[in-house]
C-alpha atoms as a PDB file:
ATOM      1  CA  UNK A   1     -38.755   8.996 -41.344  1.00  0.00           C
ATOM      2  CA  UNK A   2     -35.845   8.100 -43.592  1.00  0.00           C
ATOM      3  CA  UNK A   3     -33.618   5.116 -42.850  1.00  0.00           C
ATOM      4  CA  UNK A   4     -30.410   4.663 -44.824  1.00  0.00           C
ATOM      5  CA  UNK A   5     -29.077   1.318 -45.893  1.00  0.00           C
ATOM      6  CA  UNK A   6     -25.472   0.552 -45.054  1.00  0.00           C
ATOM      7  CA  UNK A   7     -24.483   1.042 -48.705  1.00  0.00           C
ATOM      8  CA  UNK A   8     -26.263   4.395 -48.863  1.00  0.00           C
ATOM      9  CA  UNK A   9     -24.572   5.567 -45.682  1.00  0.00           C
ATOM     10  CA  UNK A  10     -21.132   4.465 -46.899  1.00  0.00           C
ATOM     11  CA  UNK A  11     -21.657   6.117 -50.289  1.00  0.00           C
ATOM     12  CA  UNK A  12     -22.844   9.368 -48.725  1.00  0.00           C
ATOM     13  CA  UNK A  13     -19.834   9.460 -46.411  1.00  0.00           C
ATOM     14  CA  UNK A  14     -17.398   8.695 -49.263  1.00  0.00           C
ATOM     15  CA  UNK A  15     -18.897  11.563 -51.264  1.00  0.00           C
ATOM     16  CA  UNK A  16     -18.554  13.943 -48.319  1.00  0.00           C
ATOM     17  CA  UNK A  17     -14.943  12.828 -47.776  1.00  0.00           C
ATOM     18  CA  UNK A  18     -14.210  13.292 -51.492  1.00  0.00           C
ATOM     19  CA  UNK A  19     -15.616  16.823 -51.408  1.00  0.00           C
ATOM     20  CA  UNK A  20     -13.464  17.702 -48.405  1.00  0.00           C
ATOM     21  CA  UNK A  21     -10.358  16.087 -49.888  1.00  0.00           C
ATOM     22  CA  UNK A  22     -10.884  17.322 -53.448  1.00  0.00           C
ATOM     23  CA  UNK A  23     -11.610  20.932 -52.530  1.00  0.00           C
ATOM     24  CA  UNK A  24     -10.086  21.380 -49.083  1.00  0.00           C
ATOM     25  CA  UNK A  25     -13.363  22.820 -47.795  1.00  0.00           C
ATOM     26  CA  UNK A  26     -14.638  21.263 -44.554  1.00  0.00           C
ATOM     27  CA  UNK A  27     -18.112  19.756 -44.501  1.00  0.00           C
ATOM     28  CA  UNK A  28     -19.393  22.216 -41.906  1.00  0.00           C
ATOM     29  CA  UNK A  29     -18.809  25.151 -44.241  1.00  0.00           C
ATOM     30  CA  UNK A  30     -21.041  23.886 -47.040  1.00  0.00           C
ATOM     31  CA  UNK A  31     -23.398  21.257 -45.644  1.00  0.00           C
ATOM     32  CA  UNK A  32     -24.803  22.781 -42.493  1.00  0.00           C
ATOM     33  CA  UNK A  33     -24.673  26.459 -43.407  1.00  0.00           C
ATOM     34  CA  UNK A  34     -27.357  27.618 -45.773  1.00  0.00           C
ATOM     35  CA  UNK A  35     -25.348  30.525 -47.090  1.00  0.00           C
ATOM     36  CA  UNK A  36     -25.440  31.625 -50.683  1.00  0.00           C
ATOM     37  CA  UNK A  37     -21.718  32.094 -51.018  1.00  0.00           C
ATOM     38  CA  UNK A  38     -20.348  30.845 -54.310  1.00  0.00           C
ATOM     39  CA  UNK A  39     -18.245  28.041 -52.849  1.00  0.00           C
ATOM     40  CA  UNK A  40     -21.044  26.823 -50.569  1.00  0.00           C
ATOM     41  CA  UNK A  41     -23.547  26.707 -53.422  1.00  0.00           C
ATOM     42  CA  UNK A  42     -21.149  24.971 -55.823  1.00  0.00           C
ATOM     43  CA  UNK A  43     -20.302  22.317 -53.245  1.00  0.00           C
ATOM     44  CA  UNK A  44     -23.969  21.645 -52.472  1.00  0.00           C
ATOM     45  CA  UNK A  45     -24.583  21.244 -56.232  1.00  0.00           C
ATOM     46  CA  UNK A  46     -21.661  18.803 -56.416  1.00  0.00           C
ATOM     47  CA  UNK A  47     -22.969  16.871 -53.405  1.00  0.00           C
ATOM     48  CA  UNK A  48     -26.414  16.557 -54.978  1.00  0.00           C
ATOM     49  CA  UNK A  49     -24.892  15.636 -58.348  1.00  0.00           C
ATOM     50  CA  UNK A  50     -22.787  12.870 -56.810  1.00  0.00           C
ATOM     51  CA  UNK A  51     -25.663  11.502 -54.695  1.00  0.00           C
ATOM     52  CA  UNK A  52     -27.920  11.404 -57.747  1.00  0.00           C
ATOM     53  CA  UNK A  53     -25.306   9.746 -59.957  1.00  0.00           C
ATOM     54  CA  UNK A  54     -24.733   7.022 -57.369  1.00  0.00           C
ATOM     55  CA  UNK A  55     -28.192   5.676 -58.325  1.00  0.00           C
ATOM     56  CA  UNK A  56     -28.845   4.820 -54.675  1.00  0.00           C
ATOM     57  CA  UNK A  57     -31.086   7.724 -53.705  1.00  0.00           C
ATOM     58  CA  UNK A  58     -34.424   9.031 -54.945  1.00  0.00           C
ATOM     59  CA  UNK A  59     -34.865  12.724 -55.658  1.00  0.00           C
ATOM     60  CA  UNK A  60     -37.106  13.047 -52.619  1.00  0.00           C
ATOM     61  CA  UNK A  61     -34.511  11.338 -50.424  1.00  0.00           C
ATOM     62  CA  UNK A  62     -31.760  13.636 -51.668  1.00  0.00           C
ATOM     63  CA  UNK A  63     -33.963  16.653 -50.947  1.00  0.00           C
ATOM     64  CA  UNK A  64     -34.496  15.489 -47.364  1.00  0.00           C
ATOM     65  CA  UNK A  65     -30.790  14.706 -46.921  1.00  0.00           C
ATOM     66  CA  UNK A  66     -29.699  18.211 -47.878  1.00  0.00           C
ATOM     67  CA  UNK A  67     -32.576  19.982 -46.152  1.00  0.00           C
ATOM     68  CA  UNK A  68     -34.489  21.114 -49.215  1.00  0.00           C
ATOM     69  CA  UNK A  69     -38.247  21.514 -49.313  1.00  0.00           C
ATOM     70  CA  UNK A  70     -38.904  19.320 -52.336  1.00  0.00           C
ATOM     71  CA  UNK A  71     -37.289  17.342 -55.115  1.00  0.00           C
ATOM     72  CA  UNK A  72     -37.739  20.054 -57.769  1.00  0.00           C
ATOM     73  CA  UNK A  73     -34.833  21.962 -56.230  1.00  0.00           C
ATOM     74  CA  UNK A  74     -32.741  18.795 -56.535  1.00  0.00           C
ATOM     75  CA  UNK A  75     -33.653  18.608 -60.234  1.00  0.00           C
ATOM     76  CA  UNK A  76     -32.566  22.224 -60.696  1.00  0.00           C
ATOM     77  CA  UNK A  77     -29.261  21.485 -58.992  1.00  0.00           C
ATOM     78  CA  UNK A  78     -28.661  18.429 -61.184  1.00  0.00           C
ATOM     79  CA  UNK A  79     -29.466  20.428 -64.312  1.00  0.00           C
ATOM     80  CA  UNK A  80     -27.057  23.133 -63.184  1.00  0.00           C
ATOM     81  CA  UNK A  81     -24.188  20.688 -62.686  1.00  0.00           C
ATOM     82  CA  UNK A  82     -24.855  19.121 -66.109  1.00  0.00           C
ATOM     83  CA  UNK A  83     -24.686  22.607 -67.607  1.00  0.00           C
ATOM     84  CA  UNK A  84     -21.121  22.893 -66.321  1.00  0.00           C
ATOM     85  CA  UNK A  85     -20.069  20.132 -68.714  1.00  0.00           C
ATOM     86  CA  UNK A  86     -21.710  21.668 -71.750  1.00  0.00           C
ATOM     87  CA  UNK A  87     -20.253  25.110 -71.114  1.00  0.00           C
ATOM     88  CA  UNK A  88     -16.936  24.486 -69.380  1.00  0.00           C
ATOM     89  CA  UNK A  89     -15.398  27.833 -70.308  1.00  0.00           C
ATOM     90  CA  UNK A  90     -18.152  29.783 -68.590  1.00  0.00           C
ATOM     91  CA  UNK A  91     -18.161  27.470 -65.566  1.00  0.00           C
ATOM     92  CA  UNK A  92     -14.434  26.855 -65.259  1.00  0.00           C
ATOM     93  CA  UNK A  93     -14.309  27.047 -61.453  1.00  0.00           C
ATOM     94  CA  UNK A  94     -17.293  24.727 -61.049  1.00  0.00           C
ATOM     95  CA  UNK A  95     -15.904  22.211 -63.545  1.00  0.00           C
ATOM     96  CA  UNK A  96     -12.494  22.175 -61.848  1.00  0.00           C
ATOM     97  CA  UNK A  97     -14.086  21.603 -58.437  1.00  0.00           C
ATOM     98  CA  UNK A  98     -16.395  18.856 -59.704  1.00  0.00           C
ATOM     99  CA  UNK A  99     -13.542  17.056 -61.462  1.00  0.00           C
ATOM    100  CA  UNK A 100     -11.368  17.285 -58.325  1.00  0.00           C
ATOM    101  CA  UNK A 101     -14.152  15.753 -56.231  1.00  0.00           C
ATOM    102  CA  UNK A 102     -14.796  12.990 -58.779  1.00  0.00           C
ATOM    103  CA  UNK A 103     -11.086  12.172 -58.908  1.00  0.00           C
ATOM    104  CA  UNK A 104     -10.887  12.026 -55.119  1.00  0.00           C
ATOM    105  CA  UNK A 105     -14.015   9.835 -54.977  1.00  0.00           C
ATOM    106  CA  UNK A 106     -12.642   7.423 -57.595  1.00  0.00           C
ATOM    107  CA  UNK A 107      -9.307   7.176 -55.788  1.00  0.00           C
ATOM    108  CA  UNK A 108     -11.137   6.405 -52.551  1.00  0.00           C
ATOM    109  CA  UNK A 109     -13.002   3.576 -54.263  1.00  0.00           C
ATOM    110  CA  UNK A 110      -9.972   1.894 -55.784  1.00  0.00           C
END
């Protein structure tokens, strides 16, 4: 059983709010559905990326939070989001969405 600390819960909720605000896509469309639609997949990658970069969650915890079987899928997702930065022309949509979410998250923390 996984129990979140108050800080973890607040951080997770701020990330979710930032994704909704930054992209305009409601949580239910990307978090609970396990579709493989482009937007859903990109937003799950962003969610994992932001959780990991908060330094509050282990890989195993992130996997459980997003309903994945193990932490290796989380590592793949993190690697994918890092690839967006190194090849921004190829991943223009992903980079724009990630930057919008980061901006919304930073504004929510100020």
